Amino acid sequence: MKHTIEAFNKRTARLVFEIPVPDGNIERLRIIMHWVNPEDEIFGYDLDQEQIKQLEALIGRAFYDSKYDFQMGCHGSE
């Protein structure tokens, strides 16, 4: 599975950008996202401020902007 951080315009609800979470980070994602069961990893989730901070540290890139709502998405492997 490929996980992505998705940013949606708060006004229009349109997807503005996606940031892929680099492979090899599933254990860290489980901690950040509070995933307990394997099936937890396949759904989409709203991200809170603390999760956003931790994800920025994980990927080494600041992406937060108050104009957007953020979600964690999951997509099938390519």
PDB file of N, CA and C in Angstrom:
ATOM      1  N   MET A   1       0.829  -1.188   0.000  1.00  0.00           N
ATOM      2  CA  MET A   1       0.000   0.000   0.000  1.00  0.00           C
ATOM      3  C   MET A   1       0.873   1.250   0.000  1.00  0.00           C
ATOM      4  N   LYS A   2       0.401   2.243  -0.697  1.00  0.00           N
ATOM      5  CA  LYS A   2       1.066   3.545  -0.728  1.00  0.00           C
ATOM      6  C   LYS A   2       0.215   4.522   0.074  1.00  0.00           C
ATOM      7  N   HIS A   3       0.837   5.211   1.005  1.00  0.00           N
ATOM      8  CA  HIS A   3       0.130   6.212   1.804  1.00  0.00           C
ATOM      9  C   HIS A   3       0.526   7.603   1.327  1.00  0.00           C
ATOM     10  N   THR A   4      -0.451   8.489   1.286  1.00  0.00           N
ATOM     11  CA  THR A   4      -0.203   9.863   0.869  1.00  0.00           C
ATOM     12  C   THR A   4      -0.879  10.822   1.833  1.00  0.00           C
ATOM     13  N   ILE A   5      -0.248  11.971   1.992  1.00  0.00           N
ATOM     14  CA  ILE A   5      -0.837  13.076   2.729  1.00  0.00           C
ATOM     15  C   ILE A   5      -1.562  13.911   1.686  1.00  0.00           C
ATOM     16  N   GLU A   6      -2.846  14.131   1.901  1.00  0.00           N
ATOM     17  CA  GLU A   6      -3.677  14.831   0.927  1.00  0.00           C
ATOM     18  C   GLU A   6      -4.151  16.155   1.516  1.00  0.00           C
ATOM     19  N   ALA A   7      -4.038  17.210   0.725  1.00  0.00           N
ATOM     20  CA  ALA A   7      -4.470  18.542   1.157  1.00  0.00           C
ATOM     21  C   ALA A   7      -5.688  18.958   0.343  1.00  0.00           C
ATOM     22  N   PHE A   8      -6.756  19.322   1.031  1.00  0.00           N
ATOM     23  CA  PHE A   8      -8.001  19.724   0.391  1.00  0.00           C
ATOM     24  C   PHE A   8      -8.309  21.181   0.721  1.00  0.00           C
ATOM     25  N   ASN A   9      -8.704  21.931  -0.293  1.00  0.00           N
ATOM     26  CA  ASN A   9      -9.111  23.315  -0.100  1.00  0.00           C
ATOM     27  C   ASN A   9     -10.324  23.338   0.826  1.00  0.00           C
ATOM     28  N   LYS A  10     -10.252  24.101   1.902  1.00  0.00           N
ATOM     29  CA  LYS A  10     -11.351  24.157   2.870  1.00  0.00           C
ATOM     30  C   LYS A  10     -12.628  24.730   2.265  1.00  0.00           C
ATOM     31  N   ARG A  11     -12.481  25.627   1.321  1.00  0.00           N
ATOM     32  CA  ARG A  11     -13.642  26.286   0.733  1.00  0.00           C
ATOM     33  C   ARG A  11     -14.328  25.431  -0.323  1.00  0.00           C
ATOM     34  N   THR A  12     -13.534  24.779  -1.169  1.00  0.00           N
ATOM     35  CA  THR A  12     -14.102  24.028  -2.295  1.00  0.00           C
ATOM     36  C   THR A  12     -14.091  22.517  -2.087  1.00  0.00           C
ATOM     37  N   ALA A  13     -13.337  22.043  -1.106  1.00  0.00           N
ATOM     38  CA  ALA A  13     -13.156  20.613  -0.825  1.00  0.00           C
ATOM     39  C   ALA A  13     -12.424  19.881  -1.951  1.00  0.00           C
ATOM     40  N   ARG A  14     -11.790  20.628  -2.835  1.00  0.00           N
ATOM     41  CA  ARG A  14     -11.021  20.007  -3.922  1.00  0.00           C
ATOM     42  C   ARG A  14      -9.627  19.631  -3.442  1.00  0.00           C
ATOM     43  N   LEU A  15      -9.145  18.514  -3.973  1.00  0.00           N
ATOM     44  CA  LEU A  15      -7.784  18.084  -3.682  1.00  0.00           C
ATOM     45  C   LEU A  15      -6.817  19.058  -4.340  1.00  0.00           C
ATOM     46  N   VAL A  16      -5.907  19.617  -3.554  1.00  0.00           N
ATOM     47  CA  VAL A  16      -4.956  20.607  -4.056  1.00  0.00           C
ATOM     48  C   VAL A  16      -3.597  19.966  -4.323  1.00  0.00           C
ATOM     49  N   PHE A  17      -3.142  19.142  -3.383  1.00  0.00           N
ATOM     50  CA  PHE A  17      -1.877  18.441  -3.601  1.00  0.00           C
ATOM     51  C   PHE A  17      -1.808  17.193  -2.737  1.00  0.00           C
ATOM     52  N   GLU A  18      -0.911  16.297  -3.144  1.00  0.00           N
ATOM     53  CA  GLU A  18      -0.639  15.064  -2.412  1.00  0.00           C
ATOM     54  C   GLU A  18       0.862  14.954  -2.183  1.00  0.00           C
ATOM     55  N   ILE A  19       1.221  14.402  -1.039  1.00  0.00           N
ATOM     56  CA  ILE A  19       2.627  14.152  -0.734  1.00  0.00           C
ATOM     57  C   ILE A  19       2.750  12.672  -0.391  1.00  0.00           C
ATOM     58  N   PRO A  20       3.516  11.918  -1.166  1.00  0.00           N
ATOM     59  CA  PRO A  20       3.679  10.504  -0.836  1.00  0.00           C
ATOM     60  C   PRO A  20       4.529  10.325   0.420  1.00  0.00           C
ATOM     61  N   VAL A  21       4.127   9.386   1.248  1.00  0.00           N
ATOM     62  CA  VAL A  21       4.945   9.014   2.400  1.00  0.00           C
ATOM     63  C   VAL A  21       5.964   8.001   1.877  1.00  0.00           C
ATOM     64  N   PRO A  22       7.246   8.264   2.068  1.00  0.00           N
ATOM     65  CA  PRO A  22       8.263   7.351   1.535  1.00  0.00           C
ATOM     66  C   PRO A  22       8.093   5.921   2.056  1.00  0.00           C
ATOM     67  N   ASP A  23       8.371   4.965   1.182  1.00  0.00           N
ATOM     68  CA  ASP A  23       8.323   3.551   1.560  1.00  0.00           C
ATOM     69  C   ASP A  23       9.216   3.297   2.768  1.00  0.00           C
ATOM     70  N   GLY A  24       8.876   2.266   3.506  1.00  0.00           N
ATOM     71  CA  GLY A  24       9.690   1.875   4.651  1.00  0.00           C
ATOM     72  C   GLY A  24       9.326   2.569   5.950  1.00  0.00           C
ATOM     73  N   ASN A  25       8.209   3.295   5.965  1.00  0.00           N
ATOM     74  CA  ASN A  25       7.815   4.051   7.160  1.00  0.00           C
ATOM     75  C   ASN A  25       6.533   3.547   7.811  1.00  0.00           C
ATOM     76  N   ILE A  26       6.122   2.319   7.500  1.00  0.00           N
ATOM     77  CA  ILE A  26       4.835   1.845   8.008  1.00  0.00           C
ATOM     78  C   ILE A  26       4.809   1.755   9.534  1.00  0.00           C
ATOM     79  N   GLU A  27       5.896   1.350  10.148  1.00  0.00           N
ATOM     80  CA  GLU A  27       5.902   1.257  11.620  1.00  0.00           C
ATOM     81  C   GLU A  27       5.718   2.631  12.252  1.00  0.00           C
ATOM     82  N   ARG A  28       6.375   3.624  11.716  1.00  0.00           N
ATOM     83  CA  ARG A  28       6.235   5.000  12.234  1.00  0.00           C
ATOM     84  C   ARG A  28       4.821   5.520  11.965  1.00  0.00           C
ATOM     85  N   LEU A  29       4.263   5.214  10.786  1.00  0.00           N
ATOM     86  CA  LEU A  29       2.893   5.628  10.480  1.00  0.00           C
ATOM     87  C   LEU A  29       1.905   5.011  11.463  1.00  0.00           C
ATOM     88  N   ARG A  30       2.110   3.762  11.805  1.00  0.00           N
ATOM     89  CA  ARG A  30       1.214   3.102  12.767  1.00  0.00           C
ATOM     90  C   ARG A  30       1.191   3.852  14.094  1.00  0.00           C
ATOM     91  N   ILE A  31       2.335   4.343  14.513  1.00  0.00           N
ATOM     92  CA  ILE A  31       2.410   5.098  15.770  1.00  0.00           C
ATOM     93  C   ILE A  31       1.727   6.457  15.620  1.00  0.00           C
ATOM     94  N   ILE A  32       2.073   7.188  14.573  1.00  0.00           N
ATOM     95  CA  ILE A  32       1.508   8.526  14.349  1.00  0.00           C
ATOM     96  C   ILE A  32      -0.013   8.471  14.206  1.00  0.00           C
ATOM     97  N   MET A  33      -0.493   7.472  13.461  1.00  0.00           N
ATOM     98  CA  MET A  33      -1.917   7.382  13.145  1.00  0.00           C
ATOM     99  C   MET A  33      -2.717   6.581  14.179  1.00  0.00           C
ATOM    100  N   HIS A  34      -2.034   5.984  15.157  1.00  0.00           N
ATOM    101  CA  HIS A  34      -2.694   5.174  16.191  1.00  0.00           C
ATOM    102  C   HIS A  34      -3.405   3.968  15.586  1.00  0.00           C
ATOM    103  N   TRP A  35      -2.778   3.381  14.571  1.00  0.00           N
ATOM    104  CA  TRP A  35      -3.333   2.185  13.950  1.00  0.00           C
ATOM    105  C   TRP A  35      -2.997   0.975  14.800  1.00  0.00           C
ATOM    106  N   VAL A  36      -3.990   0.154  15.084  1.00  0.00           N
ATOM    107  CA  VAL A  36      -3.808  -1.031  15.906  1.00  0.00           C
ATOM    108  C   VAL A  36      -3.944  -2.304  15.070  1.00  0.00           C
ATOM    109  N   ASN A  37      -4.944  -2.328  14.212  1.00  0.00           N
ATOM    110  CA  ASN A  37      -5.238  -3.504  13.395  1.00  0.00           C
ATOM    111  C   ASN A  37      -4.739  -3.305  11.969  1.00  0.00           C
ATOM    112  N   PRO A  38      -4.351  -4.379  11.289  1.00  0.00           N
ATOM    113  CA  PRO A  38      -3.862  -4.242   9.906  1.00  0.00           C
ATOM    114  C   PRO A  38      -4.848  -3.519   8.987  1.00  0.00           C
ATOM    115  N   GLU A  39      -6.134  -3.760   9.174  1.00  0.00           N
ATOM    116  CA  GLU A  39      -7.123  -3.113   8.302  1.00  0.00           C
ATOM    117  C   GLU A  39      -7.220  -1.605   8.543  1.00  0.00           C
ATOM    118  N   ASP A  40      -6.710  -1.115   9.665  1.00  0.00           N
ATOM    119  CA  ASP A  40      -6.711   0.326   9.929  1.00  0.00           C
ATOM    120  C   ASP A  40      -5.914   1.084   8.871  1.00  0.00           C
ATOM    121  N   GLU A  41      -4.935   0.425   8.280  1.00  0.00           N
ATOM    122  CA  GLU A  41      -4.010   1.069   7.343  1.00  0.00           C
ATOM    123  C   GLU A  41      -4.614   1.342   5.970  1.00  0.00           C
ATOM    124  N   ILE A  42      -5.802   0.808   5.684  1.00  0.00           N
ATOM    125  CA  ILE A  42      -6.340   0.926   4.325  1.00  0.00           C
ATOM    126  C   ILE A  42      -7.411   2.003   4.176  1.00  0.00           C
ATOM    127  N   PHE A  43      -7.718   2.709   5.228  1.00  0.00           N
ATOM    128  CA  PHE A  43      -8.760   3.731   5.173  1.00  0.00           C
ATOM    129  C   PHE A  43      -8.155   5.133   5.101  1.00  0.00           C
ATOM    130  N   GLY A  44      -8.993   6.120   4.848  1.00  0.00           N
ATOM    131  CA  GLY A  44      -8.575   7.515   4.877  1.00  0.00           C
ATOM    132  C   GLY A  44      -8.891   8.111   6.238  1.00  0.00           C
ATOM    133  N   TYR A  45      -8.044   9.036   6.685  1.00  0.00           N
ATOM    134  CA  TYR A  45      -8.213   9.630   8.009  1.00  0.00           C
ATOM    135  C   TYR A  45      -7.930  11.121   7.973  1.00  0.00           C
ATOM    136  N   ASP A  46      -8.745  11.893   8.709  1.00  0.00           N
ATOM    137  CA  ASP A  46      -8.434  13.297   8.923  1.00  0.00           C
ATOM    138  C   ASP A  46      -7.193  13.380   9.805  1.00  0.00           C
ATOM    139  N   LEU A  47      -6.358  14.378   9.544  1.00  0.00           N
ATOM    140  CA  LEU A  47      -5.137  14.570  10.327  1.00  0.00           C
ATOM    141  C   LEU A  47      -5.303  15.751  11.278  1.00  0.00           C
ATOM    142  N   ASP A  48      -4.873  15.573  12.518  1.00  0.00           N
ATOM    143  CA  ASP A  48      -4.900  16.682  13.471  1.00  0.00           C
ATOM    144  C   ASP A  48      -3.529  17.368  13.480  1.00  0.00           C
ATOM    145  N   GLN A  49      -3.423  18.455  14.223  1.00  0.00           N
ATOM    146  CA  GLN A  49      -2.191  19.254  14.242  1.00  0.00           C
ATOM    147  C   GLN A  49      -0.978  18.434  14.687  1.00  0.00           C
ATOM    148  N   GLU A  50      -1.155  17.613  15.703  1.00  0.00           N
ATOM    149  CA  GLU A  50      -0.035  16.810  16.207  1.00  0.00           C
ATOM    150  C   GLU A  50       0.423  15.797  15.160  1.00  0.00           C
ATOM    151  N   GLN A  51      -0.519  15.157  14.490  1.00  0.00           N
ATOM    152  CA  GLN A  51      -0.155  14.205  13.434  1.00  0.00           C
ATOM    153  C   GLN A  51       0.559  14.919  12.287  1.00  0.00           C
ATOM    154  N   ILE A  52       0.092  16.108  11.946  1.00  0.00           N
ATOM    155  CA  ILE A  52       0.737  16.876  10.876  1.00  0.00           C
ATOM    156  C   ILE A  52       2.183  17.185  11.247  1.00  0.00           C
ATOM    157  N   LYS A  53       2.422  17.634  12.470  1.00  0.00           N
ATOM    158  CA  LYS A  53       3.795  17.928  12.915  1.00  0.00           C
ATOM    159  C   LYS A  53       4.680  16.690  12.821  1.00  0.00           C
ATOM    160  N   GLN A  54       4.163  15.565  13.269  1.00  0.00           N
ATOM    161  CA  GLN A  54       4.940  14.323  13.233  1.00  0.00           C
ATOM    162  C   GLN A  54       5.197  13.867  11.799  1.00  0.00           C
ATOM    163  N   LEU A  55       4.222  14.039  10.930  1.00  0.00           N
ATOM    164  CA  LEU A  55       4.405  13.660   9.526  1.00  0.00           C
ATOM    165  C   LEU A  55       5.400  14.581   8.827  1.00  0.00           C
ATOM    166  N   GLU A  56       5.372  15.864   9.157  1.00  0.00           N
ATOM    167  CA  GLU A  56       6.366  16.782   8.595  1.00  0.00           C
ATOM    168  C   GLU A  56       7.774  16.352   8.994  1.00  0.00           C
ATOM    169  N   ALA A  57       7.942  15.949  10.252  1.00  0.00           N
ATOM    170  CA  ALA A  57       9.254  15.478  10.713  1.00  0.00           C
ATOM    171  C   ALA A  57       9.638  14.177  10.014  1.00  0.00           C
ATOM    172  N   LEU A  58       8.681  13.305   9.825  1.00  0.00           N
ATOM    173  CA  LEU A  58       8.946  12.016   9.185  1.00  0.00           C
ATOM    174  C   LEU A  58       9.418  12.176   7.747  1.00  0.00           C
ATOM    175  N   ILE A  59       8.752  13.041   6.995  1.00  0.00           N
ATOM    176  CA  ILE A  59       9.108  13.173   5.577  1.00  0.00           C
ATOM    177  C   ILE A  59      10.149  14.263   5.328  1.00  0.00           C
ATOM    178  N   GLY A  60      10.452  15.058   6.365  1.00  0.00           N
ATOM    179  CA  GLY A  60      11.477  16.089   6.216  1.00  0.00           C
ATOM    180  C   GLY A  60      11.040  17.271   5.385  1.00  0.00           C
ATOM    181  N   ARG A  61       9.751  17.577   5.465  1.00  0.00           N
ATOM    182  CA  ARG A  61       9.204  18.669   4.652  1.00  0.00           C
ATOM    183  C   ARG A  61       8.019  19.301   5.375  1.00  0.00           C
ATOM    184  N   ALA A  62       8.020  20.620   5.465  1.00  0.00           N
ATOM    185  CA  ALA A  62       6.873  21.336   6.027  1.00  0.00           C
ATOM    186  C   ALA A  62       5.821  21.494   4.933  1.00  0.00           C
ATOM    187  N   PHE A  63       4.581  21.180   5.265  1.00  0.00           N
ATOM    188  CA  PHE A  63       3.517  21.296   4.268  1.00  0.00           C
ATOM    189  C   PHE A  63       2.263  21.960   4.823  1.00  0.00           C
ATOM    190  N   TYR A  64       2.172  22.154   6.130  1.00  0.00           N
ATOM    191  CA  TYR A  64       0.950  22.691   6.719  1.00  0.00           C
ATOM    192  C   TYR A  64       0.649  24.090   6.203  1.00  0.00           C
ATOM    193  N   ASP A  65      -0.604  24.313   5.899  1.00  0.00           N
ATOM    194  CA  ASP A  65      -1.123  25.629   5.530  1.00  0.00           C
ATOM    195  C   ASP A  65      -2.566  25.653   6.016  1.00  0.00           C
ATOM    196  N   SER A  66      -2.946  26.688   6.724  1.00  0.00           N
ATOM    197  CA  SER A  66      -4.284  26.759   7.317  1.00  0.00           C
ATOM    198  C   SER A  66      -5.404  26.815   6.279  1.00  0.00           C
ATOM    199  N   LYS A  67      -5.072  27.020   5.009  1.00  0.00           N
ATOM    200  CA  LYS A  67      -6.089  27.040   3.946  1.00  0.00           C
ATOM    201  C   LYS A  67      -6.629  25.650   3.637  1.00  0.00           C
ATOM    202  N   TYR A  68      -5.929  24.621   4.133  1.00  0.00           N
ATOM    203  CA  TYR A  68      -6.253  23.257   3.730  1.00  0.00           C
ATOM    204  C   TYR A  68      -6.649  22.370   4.902  1.00  0.00           C
ATOM    205  N   ASP A  69      -7.501  21.395   4.590  1.00  0.00           N
ATOM    206  CA  ASP A  69      -7.766  20.272   5.485  1.00  0.00           C
ATOM    207  C   ASP A  69      -6.873  19.135   5.009  1.00  0.00           C
ATOM    208  N   PHE A  70      -6.311  18.390   5.946  1.00  0.00           N
ATOM    209  CA  PHE A  70      -5.370  17.332   5.589  1.00  0.00           C
ATOM    210  C   PHE A  70      -5.908  15.966   5.976  1.00  0.00           C
ATOM    211  N   GLN A  71      -5.639  15.008   5.103  1.00  0.00           N
ATOM    212  CA  GLN A  71      -6.022  13.622   5.342  1.00  0.00           C
ATOM    213  C   GLN A  71      -4.877  12.693   4.969  1.00  0.00           C
ATOM    214  N   MET A  72      -4.887  11.524   5.593  1.00  0.00           N
ATOM    215  CA  MET A  72      -3.982  10.449   5.206  1.00  0.00           C
ATOM    216  C   MET A  72      -4.778   9.531   4.295  1.00  0.00           C
ATOM    217  N   GLY A  73      -4.267   9.302   3.096  1.00  0.00           N
ATOM    218  CA  GLY A  73      -4.929   8.420   2.151  1.00  0.00           C
ATOM    219  C   GLY A  73      -4.115   7.163   1.918  1.00  0.00           C
ATOM    220  N   CYS A  74      -4.777   6.142   1.438  1.00  0.00           N
ATOM    221  CA  CYS A  74      -4.120   4.873   1.141  1.00  0.00           C
ATOM    222  C   CYS A  74      -4.541   4.441  -0.257  1.00  0.00           C
ATOM    223  N   HIS A  75      -3.562   4.046  -1.050  1.00  0.00           N
ATOM    224  CA  HIS A  75      -3.816   3.635  -2.426  1.00  0.00           C
ATOM    225  C   HIS A  75      -3.096   2.323  -2.684  1.00  0.00           C
ATOM    226  N   GLY A  76      -3.636   1.521  -3.572  1.00  0.00           N
ATOM    227  CA  GLY A  76      -3.004   0.254  -3.914  1.00  0.00           C
ATOM    228  C   GLY A  76      -1.609   0.449  -4.459  1.00  0.00           C
ATOM    229  N   SER A  77      -0.766  -0.546  -4.266  1.00  0.00           N
ATOM    230  CA  SER A  77       0.609  -0.494  -4.773  1.00  0.00           C
ATOM    231  C   SER A  77       0.604  -0.476  -6.289  1.00  0.00           C
ATOM    232  N   GLU A  78       1.612   0.189  -6.818  1.00  0.00           N
ATOM    233  CA  GLU A  78       1.716   0.273  -8.279  1.00  0.00           C
ATOM    234  C   GLU A  78       2.521  -0.874  -8.808  1.00  0.00           C
TER     235      GLU A  78
END
